[in-house]
Amino acid sequence: MTVLGLMSGTSMDGMDTVTVRLERTARGWSWQVLGRASHPYDPTLRERLHRAIDPERSDVVLLTELHQEVGVAYAEAVAAAAASHALDLAGLSGQTVYHIPRIDPERGWRVVSTLQLGEASVVTERCGVPTVSDFRQGDLAAGGQGAPMVPFSDLQLFHQPGRRIAIQNIGGIGNVTALPADGDPAAVLAFDTGPGNCLMDEAMTAFFGLPYDEGGRVAASGSVLEDALARLLADPYFELAPPKTTGRELLTLTWAVERGGLSGAAPADIVATLNALTVASIVEAYRRHVAPRGLDAVLVAGGGARNPVLLEGLRRELGVPVTPFSELGLDDKDRETLAMAVLGYLAFHGEPNVLPAATGARHPVVAGKVCRPWRG
C-alpha cells in the first residue's frame, strides 16, 4: 500500500508528512519513502492551539472549533501529498492538547485520559482516502497510558539484529525506545525521558520573539545555572519507573521558572539551563533504565537532532556512538511520520499495533479508528 503518515507533535508548530510504499513480507517489512513535506500551522491556528492547552484560557467552544480546524489543515496536507502519489491510506497522529497518563489529585487529574484534535472524517471526505486516526484511545481502554505509540514502529523498521539500539526522539517531549538485540517485543523498553525542545522553544518565544533556538546558538552563548538545573531534575517525574509519559501539561516555562528559581536570570542563561535539562534528563533516564540492559548505539530523531549543543552533550555523557537520523540517509522527522503510516496500515488490516511493554496495556491492541470514503 502507498500510505501517508502525518505527525503533528507536542512542538505544535505544524504537520510533517511522509509518503511511503509499505509491504509486509515473510521476512519482515519492505518500505520505500516516496516523498516528504512539512506544513507549518497558520499563525492564528498555532496561537489558538497554544491557548487550547492552557486550562486557564481554554474552553469547550475553542476545543470544538479546533477539532474541525485541525481536520481541515490535515486534509490540505494529505491533498498536497496525494497530488504527487496516489494514496491507499492515511494515518493521522492527531494534535494532542491534553494528556493525563496517571491519576494525580494534586494536579486535579482524576481519570487517566487523553485528547487529540483533528477530525479524520474531514480528510476522508475531502481527499477520498481511507483514514486511520485516534490511535491512543484503544491503548488507553486496555489499561495503557495511550503512549508511547511509536515504539511499535521502531521495532518493526529499525531493529538491528545483534545490536542494542536506543532511538531517542527529541521533539517537544523527549522519548526513548530501547530495542533489544534479539528483537523480542516483550523486551522493548520505551518511555518519555522528559523535556525535549518544548521548554527551550517557549523560552525563545518569550524572551527573544523566536520560535526556537536555531543551531543552539543562544544556549551556547549562555551559562548553565547548576543550582537551578539540580532543582529541576528533582521533579518527581524523573524518579518514576517506566512505563511513564509526560507532556506540556507539566513541562511549561512557568513550571521551569518557578521550580528552578529562574526568575530574574539572564534569558540566554535560562535557555542554556533548559538545554542542559534536556540532556541531563535523557542521560539520567539512560543511566537508570537503559544502560543496565546494555547499549551499543543511540539514534537521534526529531527537531533536537539539528541542535548541535544537545548532540554534543549527549555524546559527551553517554559514551556510545550518537548518530542523528540524517546521517543514515533519513530525515530527522521520519521516525514519527513513518510510525503513523505503519500504525495506520496495521489498524486498517485489523492487526495489533501497540507494544504493551511500552504503554502498560494489559494485552496487544488494534489501535485506531478507520474512516472509509463513500464510493459513488
Protein backbone atom coordinates (compact mmCIF):
# COMPACT_ATOMS: atom_id res chain seq x y z
CA MET A 1 0.00 0.00 0.00
CA THR A 2 1.04 3.60 -0.53
CA VAL A 3 0.44 5.19 2.86
CA LEU A 4 0.65 8.78 4.03
CA GLY A 5 1.84 9.18 7.62
CA LEU A 6 1.11 12.54 9.23
CA MET A 7 2.57 13.71 12.53
CA SER A 8 1.80 16.90 14.44
CA GLY A 9 3.67 16.70 17.70
CA THR A 10 3.98 18.46 21.03
CA SER A 11 6.00 21.29 19.50
CA MET A 12 2.66 22.38 17.98
CA ASP A 13 4.38 24.12 15.08
CA GLY A 14 2.75 22.24 12.23
CA MET A 15 2.50 18.90 10.42
CA ASP A 16 5.10 16.66 8.87
CA THR A 17 4.18 14.02 6.32
CA VAL A 18 5.87 11.07 4.67
CA THR A 19 4.52 9.10 1.74
CA VAL A 20 5.80 5.54 1.94
CA ARG A 21 5.32 2.36 -0.02
CA LEU A 22 4.76 -0.34 2.60
CA GLU A 23 4.77 -4.07 2.10
CA ARG A 24 4.97 -6.79 4.71
CA THR A 25 6.69 -9.97 3.59
CA ALA A 26 7.58 -13.27 5.24
CA ARG A 27 10.98 -11.76 6.11
CA GLY A 28 9.61 -8.53 7.55
CA TRP A 29 8.83 -5.07 6.26
CA SER A 30 9.81 -3.68 2.89
CA TRP A 31 9.47 0.09 2.70
CA GLN A 32 10.44 2.95 0.43
CA VAL A 33 9.98 6.65 1.14
CA LEU A 34 8.36 8.30 -1.88
CA GLY A 35 8.01 11.84 -0.56
CA ARG A 36 8.18 14.12 2.46
CA ALA A 37 6.77 17.52 3.33
CA SER A 38 6.39 19.96 6.21
CA HIS A 39 3.34 22.17 6.64
CA PRO A 40 3.63 24.89 9.30
CA TYR A 41 0.43 25.79 11.07
CA ASP A 42 -1.11 29.10 10.15
CA PRO A 43 -0.06 31.59 12.91
CA THR A 44 -3.65 32.06 14.01
CA LEU A 45 -4.23 28.31 14.30
CA ARG A 46 -0.98 27.89 16.18
CA GLU A 47 -1.95 30.61 18.66
CA ARG A 48 -5.36 29.02 19.19
CA LEU A 49 -3.78 25.61 19.80
CA HIS A 50 -1.42 27.07 22.40
CA ARG A 51 -4.44 28.65 24.07
CA ALA A 52 -6.24 25.30 23.98
CA ILE A 53 -3.55 23.51 26.01
CA ASP A 54 -3.72 26.10 28.81
CA PRO A 55 -6.56 25.19 31.23
CA GLU A 56 -6.79 28.82 32.30
CA ARG A 57 -7.51 30.04 28.75
CA SER A 58 -9.16 27.09 27.01
CA ASP A 59 -12.88 26.43 26.72
CA VAL A 60 -15.27 23.97 25.13
CA VAL A 61 -16.07 26.25 22.17
CA LEU A 62 -12.39 26.63 21.31
CA LEU A 63 -11.80 22.86 21.50
CA THR A 64 -14.86 22.10 19.39
CA GLU A 65 -13.84 24.53 16.67
CA LEU A 66 -10.22 23.42 16.69
CA HIS A 67 -11.21 19.80 16.14
CA GLN A 68 -12.57 20.85 12.75
CA GLU A 69 -9.86 23.41 12.02
CA VAL A 70 -7.07 20.90 12.56
CA GLY A 71 -9.01 18.39 10.45
CA VAL A 72 -9.08 20.91 7.59
CA ALA A 73 -5.34 21.55 7.97
CA TYR A 74 -4.72 17.80 7.88
CA ALA A 75 -6.85 17.47 4.74
CA GLU A 76 -4.82 20.15 2.99
CA ALA A 77 -1.56 18.36 3.86
CA VAL A 78 -2.92 14.99 2.70
CA ALA A 79 -4.24 16.52 -0.53
CA ALA A 80 -0.80 18.00 -1.24
CA ALA A 81 0.80 14.56 -0.89
CA ALA A 82 -1.95 12.92 -2.98
CA ALA A 83 -1.17 15.32 -5.82
CA SER A 84 2.19 13.57 -6.22
CA HIS A 85 1.32 9.96 -5.38
CA ALA A 86 -2.00 8.09 -5.38
CA LEU A 87 -2.68 7.19 -1.76
CA ASP A 88 -4.27 3.99 -0.49
CA LEU A 89 -4.42 5.12 3.14
CA ALA A 90 -3.59 7.97 5.53
CA GLY A 91 -2.57 7.63 9.18
CA LEU A 92 -3.02 10.72 11.35
CA SER A 93 -1.40 11.35 14.74
CA GLY A 94 -3.96 13.90 15.92
CA GLN A 95 -2.87 17.05 17.71
CA THR A 96 -2.53 16.35 21.42
CA VAL A 97 -3.92 19.16 23.54
CA TYR A 98 -4.04 17.37 26.89
CA HIS A 99 -2.68 14.07 28.16
CA ILE A 100 -3.38 12.64 31.65
CA PRO A 101 -1.28 9.46 31.95
CA ARG A 102 -1.89 8.86 35.66
CA ILE A 103 -4.16 9.96 38.48
CA ASP A 104 -2.69 12.92 40.37
CA PRO A 105 -5.04 14.58 42.88
CA GLU A 106 -2.63 17.45 43.45
CA ARG A 107 -2.95 18.42 39.79
CA GLY A 108 -6.67 17.72 39.71
CA TRP A 109 -6.18 14.66 37.49
CA ARG A 110 -8.92 12.18 38.38
CA VAL A 111 -9.21 10.00 35.26
CA VAL A 112 -6.46 8.59 33.02
CA SER A 113 -7.35 10.16 29.69
CA THR A 114 -6.04 11.91 26.59
CA LEU A 115 -7.37 14.22 23.87
CA GLN A 116 -6.15 14.61 20.30
CA LEU A 117 -7.79 17.06 17.92
CA GLY A 118 -8.18 16.77 14.14
CA GLU A 119 -11.36 15.22 12.74
CA ALA A 120 -10.33 12.42 10.36
CA SER A 121 -13.70 12.45 8.58
CA VAL A 122 -12.72 15.79 7.04
CA VAL A 123 -9.67 14.16 5.47
CA THR A 124 -11.67 11.19 4.21
CA GLU A 125 -14.38 13.39 2.70
CA ARG A 126 -12.09 15.94 1.08
CA CYS A 127 -9.38 13.55 -0.13
CA GLY A 128 -11.38 10.39 -0.81
CA VAL A 129 -8.86 8.21 1.00
CA PRO A 130 -9.40 5.78 3.92
CA THR A 131 -8.06 7.41 7.06
CA VAL A 132 -6.95 5.97 10.40
CA SER A 133 -6.76 8.22 13.47
CA ASP A 134 -7.15 8.42 17.24
CA PHE A 135 -4.62 5.68 17.98
CA ARG A 136 -4.15 6.41 21.67
CA GLN A 137 -7.70 5.67 22.81
CA GLY A 138 -7.61 1.94 22.11
CA ASP A 139 -4.49 1.51 24.21
CA LEU A 140 -5.95 3.64 26.98
CA ALA A 141 -9.08 1.47 27.08
CA ALA A 142 -6.87 -1.61 27.58
CA GLY A 143 -5.21 -0.11 30.63
CA GLY A 144 -2.28 1.57 28.90
CA GLN A 145 -1.21 5.20 29.13
CA GLY A 146 -2.05 5.84 25.47
CA ALA A 147 1.64 6.44 24.86
CA PRO A 148 4.25 5.94 23.67
CA MET A 149 2.83 4.55 20.44
CA VAL A 150 5.83 4.98 18.14
CA PRO A 151 7.97 2.15 19.67
CA PHE A 152 5.91 -0.43 17.79
CA SER A 153 7.10 1.04 14.50
CA ASP A 154 10.63 1.48 15.84
CA LEU A 155 10.83 -2.28 16.41
CA GLN A 156 9.38 -3.10 13.00
CA LEU A 157 11.58 -0.75 10.97
CA PHE A 158 14.79 -0.06 12.88
CA HIS A 159 15.70 -3.18 14.87
CA GLN A 160 19.27 -4.29 14.12
CA PRO A 161 19.81 -7.98 14.95
CA GLY A 162 22.60 -8.45 17.46
CA ARG A 163 22.75 -4.76 18.44
CA ARG A 164 21.18 -2.95 21.37
CA ILE A 165 19.96 0.30 19.88
CA ALA A 166 18.25 3.21 21.60
CA ILE A 167 16.19 5.55 19.45
CA GLN A 168 15.98 8.92 21.17
CA ASN A 169 13.38 11.33 19.86
CA ILE A 170 13.80 14.98 20.80
CA GLY A 171 10.62 16.69 19.72
CA GLY A 172 8.60 18.83 22.09
CA ILE A 173 8.97 15.98 24.57
CA GLY A 174 11.93 13.60 24.72
CA ASN A 175 11.23 9.87 24.46
CA VAL A 176 13.33 6.76 24.05
CA THR A 177 12.80 3.31 22.57
CA ALA A 178 15.44 0.76 23.64
CA LEU A 179 15.43 -2.15 21.20
CA PRO A 180 16.84 -5.49 22.39
CA ALA A 181 19.39 -7.34 20.29
CA ASP A 182 17.05 -10.30 19.75
CA GLY A 183 14.03 -8.18 18.73
CA ASP A 184 11.74 -9.62 21.43
CA PRO A 185 8.67 -7.30 21.59
CA ALA A 186 8.22 -8.03 25.30
CA ALA A 187 11.74 -6.75 25.98
CA VAL A 188 11.32 -3.37 24.28
CA LEU A 189 11.67 -0.51 26.76
CA ALA A 190 10.07 2.81 25.88
CA PHE A 191 9.09 5.90 27.87
CA ASP A 192 9.23 9.69 27.92
CA THR A 193 12.57 10.92 29.26
CA GLY A 194 11.22 14.41 29.96
CA PRO A 195 11.51 17.70 28.08
CA GLY A 196 12.75 17.78 24.54
CA ASN A 197 12.53 21.18 22.87
CA CYS A 198 9.30 22.45 24.43
CA LEU A 199 10.82 24.43 27.30
CA MET A 200 13.56 25.93 25.13
CA ASP A 201 11.04 26.85 22.43
CA GLU A 202 8.77 28.52 24.95
CA ALA A 203 11.70 30.46 26.41
CA MET A 204 12.87 31.54 22.96
CA THR A 205 9.40 32.85 22.15
CA ALA A 206 9.04 34.64 25.48
CA PHE A 207 12.49 36.25 25.63
CA PHE A 208 13.65 36.54 22.04
CA GLY A 209 10.48 36.50 19.93
CA LEU A 210 11.76 33.47 18.02
CA PRO A 211 10.12 30.04 17.66
CA TYR A 212 13.24 28.02 18.58
CA ASP A 213 16.98 28.22 19.23
CA GLU A 214 18.35 27.66 15.73
CA GLY A 215 21.62 25.77 15.85
CA GLY A 216 21.65 26.00 19.65
CA ARG A 217 23.33 29.40 19.35
CA VAL A 218 21.54 31.06 22.26
CA ALA A 219 22.18 28.08 24.54
CA ALA A 220 25.84 28.13 23.55
CA SER A 221 26.07 31.85 24.42
CA GLY A 222 24.66 31.40 27.92
CA SER A 223 25.83 29.74 31.13
CA VAL A 224 24.14 26.75 32.76
CA LEU A 225 22.76 27.67 36.19
CA GLU A 226 23.72 24.50 38.05
CA ASP A 227 21.60 25.10 41.16
CA ALA A 228 18.51 25.69 39.05
CA LEU A 229 19.28 22.60 36.97
CA ALA A 230 19.51 20.48 40.12
CA ARG A 231 16.14 21.76 41.34
CA LEU A 232 14.50 20.96 38.00
CA LEU A 233 15.96 17.46 37.95
CA ALA A 234 14.50 16.86 41.41
CA ASP A 235 10.97 16.89 39.97
CA PRO A 236 9.15 13.65 40.93
CA TYR A 237 8.56 12.70 37.29
CA PHE A 238 12.20 11.82 36.80
CA GLU A 239 12.00 9.35 39.70
CA LEU A 240 9.12 7.36 38.20
CA ALA A 241 9.79 3.93 36.74
CA PRO A 242 8.62 3.09 33.20
CA PRO A 243 6.13 2.84 31.66
CA LYS A 244 5.68 6.57 32.03
CA THR A 245 4.72 9.51 29.86
CA THR A 246 4.56 13.25 30.31
CA GLY A 247 3.69 16.34 28.30
CA ARG A 248 3.20 20.07 28.16
CA GLU A 249 0.61 19.81 30.91
CA LEU A 250 3.59 19.60 33.31
CA LEU A 251 6.55 20.91 31.33
CA THR A 252 5.89 24.60 30.88
CA LEU A 253 8.12 27.65 31.11
CA THR A 254 6.19 28.72 34.21
CA TRP A 255 6.99 25.36 35.84
CA ALA A 256 10.67 25.72 34.95
CA VAL A 257 10.98 29.29 36.20
CA GLU A 258 9.15 28.61 39.46
CA ARG A 259 10.72 25.24 40.28
CA GLY A 260 14.18 26.20 39.10
CA GLY A 261 14.16 29.63 40.70
CA LEU A 262 14.97 31.17 37.34
CA SER A 263 13.05 34.42 37.79
CA GLY A 264 15.35 37.32 37.03
CA ALA A 265 18.03 35.18 35.35
CA ALA A 266 19.52 36.31 32.05
CA PRO A 267 17.47 34.94 29.14
CA ALA A 268 20.46 33.25 27.48
CA ASP A 269 21.31 31.54 30.78
CA ILE A 270 17.72 30.30 31.06
CA VAL A 271 17.90 28.79 27.56
CA ALA A 272 21.29 27.23 28.33
CA THR A 273 19.91 25.73 31.54
CA LEU A 274 16.84 24.33 29.79
CA ASN A 275 19.07 22.85 27.09
CA ALA A 276 21.15 21.23 29.83
CA LEU A 277 17.95 19.92 31.44
CA THR A 278 17.01 18.09 28.25
CA VAL A 279 20.46 16.50 28.06
CA ALA A 280 20.64 15.66 31.76
CA SER A 281 17.16 14.15 31.91
CA ILE A 282 17.95 11.91 28.93
CA VAL A 283 21.29 10.87 30.39
CA GLU A 284 19.78 10.13 33.80
CA ALA A 285 16.98 8.10 32.22
CA TYR A 286 19.56 6.04 30.35
CA ARG A 287 21.66 5.55 33.48
CA ARG A 288 18.67 4.28 35.45
CA HIS A 289 16.77 2.25 32.90
CA VAL A 290 18.57 1.75 29.56
CA ALA A 291 22.27 1.23 30.27
CA PRO A 292 21.72 -1.70 32.70
CA ARG A 293 20.21 -3.64 29.75
CA GLY A 294 23.23 -2.89 27.57
CA LEU A 295 23.62 -0.18 24.95
CA ASP A 296 25.63 -0.16 21.71
CA ALA A 297 24.43 2.99 19.95
CA VAL A 298 21.90 5.82 20.02
CA LEU A 299 19.97 7.14 17.01
CA VAL A 300 18.53 10.64 17.44
CA ALA A 301 15.34 11.80 15.71
CA GLY A 302 13.16 14.89 15.98
CA GLY A 303 13.98 18.57 15.72
CA GLY A 304 16.52 18.29 18.52
CA ALA A 305 18.71 16.20 16.21
CA ARG A 306 19.55 19.51 14.49
CA ASN A 307 20.70 21.17 17.72
CA PRO A 308 24.49 20.65 17.98
CA VAL A 309 24.56 21.68 21.64
CA LEU A 310 22.14 18.88 22.51
CA LEU A 311 24.04 16.34 20.43
CA GLU A 312 27.39 17.38 21.90
CA GLY A 313 26.01 16.97 25.41
CA LEU A 314 24.63 13.51 24.67
CA ARG A 315 27.86 12.36 23.03
CA ARG A 316 29.90 13.62 25.95
CA GLU A 317 27.78 11.92 28.59
CA LEU A 318 26.54 8.65 27.06
CA GLY A 319 29.83 7.11 25.98
CA VAL A 320 28.40 5.33 22.90
CA PRO A 321 28.01 6.49 19.27
CA VAL A 322 25.21 9.08 18.99
CA THR A 323 24.02 9.45 15.39
CA PRO A 324 21.25 11.69 14.02
CA PHE A 325 18.84 10.10 11.55
CA SER A 326 20.16 12.41 8.83
CA GLU A 327 23.46 10.53 8.82
CA LEU A 328 21.51 7.36 7.94
CA GLY A 329 20.01 8.97 4.86
CA LEU A 330 16.71 9.60 6.65
CA ASP A 331 15.03 12.82 7.72
CA ASP A 332 15.03 13.54 11.44
CA LYS A 333 11.23 13.61 11.30
CA ASP A 334 10.89 10.25 9.53
CA ARG A 335 10.70 8.22 12.72
CA GLU A 336 7.31 9.56 13.82
CA THR A 337 5.74 10.10 10.41
CA LEU A 338 6.68 6.54 9.40
CA ALA A 339 5.16 5.32 12.66
CA MET A 340 1.80 6.85 11.76
CA ALA A 341 1.96 5.07 8.40
CA VAL A 342 2.80 1.70 9.98
CA LEU A 343 0.19 2.02 12.73
CA GLY A 344 -2.43 3.02 10.17
CA TYR A 345 -1.51 0.14 7.86
CA LEU A 346 -1.92 -2.45 10.61
CA ALA A 347 -5.11 -0.94 12.03
CA PHE A 348 -6.63 -0.93 8.55
CA HIS A 349 -5.94 -4.67 8.35
CA GLY A 350 -7.23 -5.32 11.88
CA GLU A 351 -3.88 -6.28 13.36
CA PRO A 352 -2.25 -5.28 16.69
CA ASN A 353 -0.08 -2.18 16.51
CA VAL A 354 0.76 -1.42 20.16
CA LEU A 355 3.55 -2.72 22.40
CA PRO A 356 2.08 -3.39 25.87
CA ALA A 357 5.63 -3.40 27.26
CA ALA A 358 5.87 0.27 26.28
CA THR A 359 2.41 1.57 27.18
CA GLY A 360 1.42 -0.66 30.11
CA ALA A 361 -1.66 -2.05 28.32
CA ARG A 362 -2.99 -5.40 29.55
CA HIS A 363 -2.68 -7.00 26.10
CA PRO A 364 -1.91 -6.13 22.46
CA VAL A 365 -4.38 -3.71 20.90
CA VAL A 366 -5.61 -2.88 17.41
CA ALA A 367 -5.46 0.88 17.95
CA GLY A 368 -7.02 3.44 15.63
CA LYS A 369 -10.39 4.31 14.13
CA VAL A 370 -10.95 3.88 10.40
CA CYS A 371 -12.95 6.31 8.25
CA ARG A 372 -13.83 5.00 4.79
CA PRO A 373 -14.86 7.23 1.86
CA TRP A 374 -18.14 6.86 0.04
CA ARG A 375 -17.64 5.32 -3.36
CA GLY A 376 -20.46 6.58 -5.54
